[in-house]
Amino acid sequence: MDKKNQTKVTEFYFSDFPQFEDGGLLLFILLLCVYLFIVVGDAVIFLDVQLDVRLHNPMYSFISIFSFLEICYTTVTIPQMLYNLVSKEKTISFIGCLLQMYFFHSFGVTESLVLTIMAIDRYVAICNPLRYAIIITPKLCTQLSTGSFTLGFLMLLPEIVWISTLPFCGPNQIHQLFCDLEPVLLLACTDTSMILVEDVIHAISILSCVSIISLSYLRIITVVLKIPSGESRQKAFSTCTAHITIFVLFFGSVALMYLRFSVTFQPLLEKVIALMFAVLAPFVNPIIYSLRNKDMKDAIKKMFGSQKILTVSGS
């Protein structure tokens, strides 16, 4: 194609959202409720950990960071989905699309690193409890958290910068619920095979995190099964159950989305996987960490109980 006749794309159109009169409003209400639940639930967990001194330890510190990341992670995509459900345009600017991809994947990579750190933390706590306080120090926790954010936001930067230099001359329809790497690259008017190098790097990083987490919990389970006391064994298992559940949901959806390489699914299944990855997994996080954790439930009751007392005192 003659470059002089190419029209530069300045915005993209999401083609897979229903019209307002065709069920868009119902989906809007459902998705809005889910989003509010995620934000409020994770905000409560984050505030509980910050305000309750009983939760001032590495495990809950990492949980609070993960909850904060979940708020940011879902805020990158769900508000745009809500807009698309009630808007006739269903468009996003080229720069907005790049930013959505960058922050969505950067927060996702950071979450995977935090989950890996959480697994290592539980490994040291259960498999080497006498040295836990010496190994997992506040300074180390700060360094690990800072390192996760730094690596998470640097890893995707070269890829996004490269995509920003590609020519997009049409069509401009994204066949996905949000801007993602593969659907956007399919619209580029040039060869994008070099992206396979980045895909391999991402796959290696994901598989490295999965391997570390899996080996940590396999070792934890082996150690816990040797604990003679049934009560202590049950407590140790309950502590790790929440982490393992989040791990399976998060990395399971990641694998379905990004570790398929040339395997393709039906369009409807693609959307279901995207919803699982971007919405369902974050939705489950507050439920698991609040309803299945006694310390967290006690902290939530204390926080809301204190607010009631202050309200009564003020009146």
Protein backbone atom coordinates (compact mmCIF):
# COMPACT_ATOMS: atom_id res chain seq x y z
CA MET A 1 0.00 0.00 0.00
CA ASP A 2 1.22 3.49 -0.86
CA LYS A 3 2.17 5.29 2.34
CA LYS A 4 0.79 8.52 0.94
CA ASN A 5 -2.68 6.97 0.77
CA GLN A 6 -2.58 5.61 4.32
CA THR A 7 -4.82 7.30 6.88
CA LYS A 8 -3.33 7.41 10.35
CA VAL A 9 -5.63 5.93 13.00
CA THR A 10 -6.21 8.35 15.90
CA GLU A 11 -8.73 6.24 17.84
CA PHE A 12 -9.93 2.67 18.14
CA TYR A 13 -13.47 1.31 18.22
CA PHE A 14 -14.62 -1.56 20.50
CA SER A 15 -16.92 -3.65 18.34
CA ASP A 16 -18.05 -6.34 20.79
CA PHE A 17 -20.22 -4.38 23.22
CA PRO A 18 -24.05 -4.57 23.04
CA GLN A 19 -26.08 -1.46 22.34
CA PHE A 20 -27.75 0.35 25.24
CA GLU A 21 -31.21 -0.90 24.21
CA ASP A 22 -29.97 -4.47 23.62
CA GLY A 23 -29.03 -5.32 27.19
CA GLY A 24 -26.19 -2.86 27.66
CA LEU A 25 -27.88 -1.22 30.65
CA LEU A 26 -28.33 -4.52 32.49
CA LEU A 27 -24.69 -5.44 31.93
CA PHE A 28 -23.69 -1.92 32.96
CA ILE A 29 -25.49 -2.26 36.31
CA LEU A 30 -24.02 -5.74 36.94
CA LEU A 31 -20.48 -4.69 36.05
CA LEU A 32 -20.79 -1.47 38.09
CA CYS A 33 -21.85 -3.46 41.17
CA VAL A 34 -18.91 -5.84 40.70
CA TYR A 35 -16.49 -2.93 40.29
CA LEU A 36 -17.78 -1.13 43.38
CA PHE A 37 -17.51 -4.35 45.37
CA ILE A 38 -13.90 -4.81 44.25
CA VAL A 39 -12.92 -1.21 45.08
CA VAL A 40 -14.72 -1.07 48.44
CA GLY A 41 -13.66 -4.58 49.46
CA ASP A 42 -10.00 -4.08 48.66
CA ALA A 43 -10.02 -0.59 50.19
CA VAL A 44 -11.39 -2.03 53.44
CA ILE A 45 -8.64 -4.68 53.47
CA PHE A 46 -5.97 -2.07 52.76
CA LEU A 47 -7.23 0.30 55.49
CA ASP A 48 -7.63 -2.53 58.00
CA VAL A 49 -4.00 -3.52 57.62
CA GLN A 50 -2.85 0.09 57.96
CA LEU A 51 -5.01 0.88 61.01
CA ASP A 52 -4.94 -2.35 63.04
CA VAL A 53 -1.59 -2.88 64.79
CA ARG A 54 -2.30 -6.62 65.06
CA LEU A 55 -1.96 -6.83 61.28
CA HIS A 56 1.36 -5.01 61.13
CA ASN A 57 3.42 -7.95 59.92
CA PRO A 58 4.89 -8.91 56.52
CA MET A 59 2.08 -11.27 55.50
CA TYR A 60 -0.67 -8.69 55.90
CA SER A 61 1.55 -5.95 54.54
CA PHE A 62 1.85 -7.87 51.27
CA ILE A 63 -1.90 -8.57 51.30
CA SER A 64 -2.60 -4.85 51.62
CA ILE A 65 -0.25 -4.09 48.73
CA PHE A 66 -1.96 -6.73 46.62
CA SER A 67 -5.37 -5.24 47.46
CA PHE A 68 -4.15 -1.78 46.46
CA LEU A 69 -2.89 -3.20 43.18
CA GLU A 70 -6.25 -4.86 42.53
CA ILE A 71 -7.99 -1.49 42.84
CA CYS A 72 -5.58 0.07 40.34
CA TYR A 73 -5.65 -2.99 38.06
CA THR A 74 -9.44 -3.02 37.69
CA THR A 75 -9.69 0.77 37.44
CA VAL A 76 -7.57 0.66 34.28
CA THR A 77 -10.16 -1.39 32.35
CA ILE A 78 -13.60 -1.59 34.00
CA PRO A 79 -14.55 2.14 33.82
CA GLN A 80 -13.84 2.04 30.06
CA MET A 81 -16.00 -1.08 29.76
CA LEU A 82 -18.81 0.69 31.65
CA TYR A 83 -18.53 3.66 29.31
CA ASN A 84 -18.67 1.40 26.26
CA LEU A 85 -21.83 -0.30 27.52
CA VAL A 86 -23.84 2.95 27.60
CA SER A 87 -22.08 4.99 24.92
CA LYS A 88 -22.84 4.95 21.20
CA GLU A 89 -19.25 5.78 20.24
CA LYS A 90 -17.43 2.99 22.16
CA THR A 91 -14.11 4.54 21.20
CA ILE A 92 -10.75 5.14 22.86
CA SER A 93 -7.96 7.39 21.63
CA PHE A 94 -4.71 5.91 20.34
CA ILE A 95 -2.77 7.34 23.31
CA GLY A 96 -5.50 6.20 25.71
CA CYS A 97 -5.28 2.68 24.30
CA LEU A 98 -1.49 2.60 24.74
CA LEU A 99 -1.80 3.85 28.32
CA GLN A 100 -4.49 1.28 29.10
CA MET A 101 -2.30 -1.54 27.81
CA TYR A 102 0.74 -0.24 29.68
CA PHE A 103 -0.89 0.19 33.08
CA PHE A 104 -3.03 -2.95 32.80
CA HIS A 105 -0.02 -5.15 32.17
CA SER A 106 2.29 -3.25 34.51
CA PHE A 107 -0.10 -3.68 37.43
CA GLY A 108 -0.59 -7.32 36.40
CA VAL A 109 3.14 -8.03 36.36
CA THR A 110 3.54 -6.28 39.72
CA GLU A 111 0.73 -8.42 41.16
CA SER A 112 2.43 -11.60 39.96
CA LEU A 113 5.67 -10.52 41.65
CA VAL A 114 3.84 -9.68 44.89
CA LEU A 115 2.14 -13.09 44.84
CA THR A 116 5.57 -14.68 44.43
CA ILE A 117 6.90 -12.73 47.40
CA MET A 118 3.86 -13.78 49.46
CA ALA A 119 4.59 -17.44 48.68
CA ILE A 120 8.23 -17.03 49.73
CA ASP A 121 7.09 -15.27 52.91
CA ARG A 122 4.78 -18.19 53.81
CA TYR A 123 7.55 -20.67 52.95
CA VAL A 124 9.97 -19.04 55.41
CA ALA A 125 7.25 -18.63 58.07
CA ILE A 126 6.21 -22.30 58.01
CA CYS A 127 9.35 -24.10 56.94
CA ASN A 128 11.87 -22.01 58.90
CA PRO A 129 9.85 -20.28 61.66
CA LEU A 130 12.73 -19.75 64.09
CA ARG A 131 14.62 -17.61 61.58
CA TYR A 132 11.56 -15.86 60.12
CA ALA A 133 12.06 -12.58 61.98
CA ILE A 134 15.73 -12.53 61.01
CA ILE A 135 15.13 -13.25 57.31
CA ILE A 136 11.88 -11.36 56.61
CA THR A 137 12.80 -7.96 58.06
CA PRO A 138 10.84 -4.73 57.53
CA LYS A 139 13.71 -3.43 55.41
CA LEU A 140 13.60 -6.50 53.17
CA CYS A 141 9.81 -6.19 52.83
CA THR A 142 10.19 -2.58 51.69
CA GLN A 143 12.92 -3.52 49.22
CA LEU A 144 10.87 -6.39 47.79
CA SER A 145 7.75 -4.25 47.44
CA THR A 146 9.65 -1.39 45.80
CA GLY A 147 11.44 -3.82 43.51
CA SER A 148 8.13 -5.38 42.43
CA PHE A 149 6.69 -2.01 41.43
CA THR A 150 9.89 -0.94 39.67
CA LEU A 151 10.29 -4.16 37.67
CA GLY A 152 6.57 -4.35 36.92
CA PHE A 153 6.48 -0.88 35.39
CA LEU A 154 9.80 -1.16 33.55
CA MET A 155 9.18 -4.55 31.93
CA LEU A 156 6.34 -3.39 29.64
CA LEU A 157 7.81 0.02 28.81
CA PRO A 158 9.98 -1.04 25.80
CA GLU A 159 7.10 -2.96 24.24
CA ILE A 160 4.62 -0.08 24.58
CA VAL A 161 7.14 2.42 23.21
CA TRP A 162 7.74 0.11 20.24
CA ILE A 163 3.99 -0.25 19.58
CA SER A 164 3.60 3.55 19.66
CA THR A 165 5.96 3.79 16.67
CA LEU A 166 4.01 1.32 14.51
CA PRO A 167 1.82 2.59 11.66
CA PHE A 168 -1.93 2.09 12.14
CA CYS A 169 -3.85 2.92 8.97
CA GLY A 170 -7.09 0.99 9.46
CA PRO A 171 -9.24 -0.87 10.23
CA ASN A 172 -9.56 0.37 13.80
CA GLN A 173 -11.96 -2.15 15.37
CA ILE A 174 -10.64 -3.92 18.49
CA HIS A 175 -12.29 -7.32 18.92
CA GLN A 176 -11.83 -7.47 22.68
CA LEU A 177 -13.35 -5.88 25.79
CA PHE A 178 -10.33 -3.62 26.37
CA CYS A 179 -7.08 -2.64 24.70
CA ASP A 180 -4.74 -5.59 24.80
CA LEU A 181 -1.50 -6.36 23.02
CA GLU A 182 -2.56 -8.98 20.49
CA PRO A 183 -5.87 -7.37 19.35
CA VAL A 184 -4.12 -4.02 18.87
CA LEU A 185 -1.09 -5.48 17.07
CA LEU A 186 -3.41 -7.22 14.60
CA LEU A 187 -4.44 -3.76 13.43
CA ALA A 188 -0.90 -2.55 12.68
CA CYS A 189 -0.07 -1.98 9.00
CA THR A 190 3.32 -3.64 9.27
CA ASP A 191 5.03 -6.86 10.29
CA THR A 192 4.77 -7.39 14.06
CA SER A 193 6.55 -10.75 14.28
CA MET A 194 9.23 -9.17 16.48
CA ILE A 195 6.65 -9.09 19.26
CA LEU A 196 7.28 -12.84 19.63
CA VAL A 197 10.56 -12.00 21.35
CA GLU A 198 8.67 -9.96 23.94
CA ASP A 199 6.08 -12.74 24.28
CA VAL A 200 8.82 -15.25 25.07
CA ILE A 201 10.29 -12.91 27.70
CA HIS A 202 6.86 -12.46 29.30
CA ALA A 203 6.21 -16.20 29.20
CA ILE A 204 9.54 -16.90 30.92
CA SER A 205 8.81 -14.34 33.64
CA ILE A 206 5.30 -15.76 34.22
CA LEU A 207 6.53 -19.36 34.30
CA SER A 208 9.35 -18.35 36.68
CA CYS A 209 6.82 -16.88 39.13
CA VAL A 210 4.56 -19.93 38.80
CA SER A 211 7.49 -22.29 39.40
CA ILE A 212 8.69 -20.43 42.51
CA ILE A 213 5.17 -20.26 43.97
CA SER A 214 4.41 -23.91 43.18
CA LEU A 215 7.67 -25.18 44.68
CA SER A 216 7.14 -23.01 47.78
CA TYR A 217 3.65 -24.38 48.44
CA LEU A 218 4.64 -27.96 47.69
CA ARG A 219 7.34 -27.65 50.31
CA ILE A 220 4.89 -25.95 52.70
CA ILE A 221 2.34 -28.76 52.28
CA THR A 222 5.04 -31.38 52.89
CA VAL A 223 6.10 -29.65 56.12
CA VAL A 224 2.54 -29.04 57.33
CA LEU A 225 1.57 -32.69 56.86
CA LYS A 226 4.37 -33.62 59.28
CA ILE A 227 3.00 -31.36 62.06
CA PRO A 228 1.75 -33.70 64.83
CA SER A 229 -0.88 -31.34 66.23
CA GLY A 230 -4.12 -31.38 64.23
CA GLU A 231 -5.04 -27.86 65.33
CA SER A 232 -1.67 -26.40 64.33
CA ARG A 233 -1.81 -28.24 61.03
CA GLN A 234 -5.28 -26.88 60.29
CA LYS A 235 -4.20 -23.33 61.17
CA ALA A 236 -1.19 -23.55 58.86
CA PHE A 237 -3.33 -24.89 56.02
CA SER A 238 -6.00 -22.20 56.49
CA THR A 239 -3.33 -19.50 56.31
CA CYS A 240 -2.11 -20.76 52.95
CA THR A 241 -5.48 -21.68 51.43
CA ALA A 242 -6.32 -18.06 50.58
CA HIS A 243 -2.94 -17.51 48.93
CA ILE A 244 -3.20 -20.71 46.89
CA THR A 245 -6.75 -19.86 45.74
CA ILE A 246 -5.69 -16.40 44.55
CA PHE A 247 -2.61 -17.93 42.92
CA VAL A 248 -4.68 -20.48 40.95
CA LEU A 249 -7.26 -17.89 39.85
CA PHE A 250 -4.71 -15.27 38.86
CA PHE A 251 -2.16 -17.42 37.05
CA GLY A 252 -4.82 -19.74 35.64
CA SER A 253 -6.47 -16.81 33.85
CA VAL A 254 -3.02 -15.44 32.87
CA ALA A 255 -2.14 -18.78 31.26
CA LEU A 256 -5.41 -18.88 29.31
CA MET A 257 -4.90 -15.31 28.10
CA TYR A 258 -1.19 -15.12 27.34
CA LEU A 259 0.47 -18.55 27.30
CA ARG A 260 -1.45 -19.92 24.31
CA PHE A 261 0.89 -18.67 21.56
CA SER A 262 -0.75 -19.86 18.29
CA VAL A 263 -3.79 -21.52 19.92
CA THR A 264 -7.02 -19.60 19.27
CA PHE A 265 -10.46 -19.83 20.88
CA GLN A 266 -13.94 -18.93 19.73
CA PRO A 267 -14.69 -15.17 20.02
CA LEU A 268 -17.22 -15.69 22.84
CA LEU A 269 -14.75 -17.82 24.81
CA GLU A 270 -12.11 -15.13 24.30
CA LYS A 271 -14.43 -12.60 25.99
CA VAL A 272 -15.20 -14.99 28.85
CA ILE A 273 -11.48 -15.53 29.48
CA ALA A 274 -10.89 -11.77 29.36
CA LEU A 275 -13.67 -11.20 31.93
CA MET A 276 -12.23 -13.93 34.14
CA PHE A 277 -8.80 -12.34 33.94
CA ALA A 278 -9.82 -8.69 34.34
CA VAL A 279 -12.95 -8.94 36.52
CA LEU A 280 -13.64 -12.33 38.13
CA ALA A 281 -10.23 -12.90 39.74
CA PRO A 282 -10.16 -9.40 41.34
CA PHE A 283 -13.80 -9.89 42.46
CA VAL A 284 -12.87 -13.01 44.45
CA ASN A 285 -9.90 -11.40 46.23
CA PRO A 286 -11.84 -9.39 48.88
CA ILE A 287 -14.09 -12.38 49.57
CA ILE A 288 -11.19 -14.74 50.20
CA TYR A 289 -9.11 -12.37 52.32
CA SER A 290 -12.03 -11.06 54.40
CA LEU A 291 -14.38 -14.02 54.84
CA ARG A 292 -11.78 -16.80 55.11
CA ASN A 293 -9.34 -14.99 57.39
CA LYS A 294 -10.18 -14.72 61.08
CA ASP A 295 -7.72 -11.91 61.84
CA MET A 296 -9.04 -9.88 58.92
CA LYS A 297 -12.66 -10.45 59.94
CA ASP A 298 -11.87 -9.36 63.50
CA ALA A 299 -10.13 -6.24 62.19
CA ILE A 300 -13.09 -5.36 59.95
CA LYS A 301 -15.53 -5.81 62.85
CA LYS A 302 -13.30 -3.66 65.03
CA MET A 303 -13.05 -0.91 62.41
CA PHE A 304 -16.78 -0.70 61.76
CA GLY A 305 -17.53 -1.17 65.46
CA SER A 306 -15.28 1.79 66.28
CA GLN A 307 -17.05 3.89 63.68
CA LYS A 308 -20.42 3.06 65.24
CA ILE A 309 -19.15 4.03 68.67
CA LEU A 310 -17.82 7.33 67.33
CA THR A 311 -21.13 8.00 65.59
CA VAL A 312 -23.12 7.35 68.78
CA SER A 313 -20.70 9.45 70.87
CA GLY A 314 -20.89 12.32 68.38
CA SER A 315 -24.68 12.32 68.44
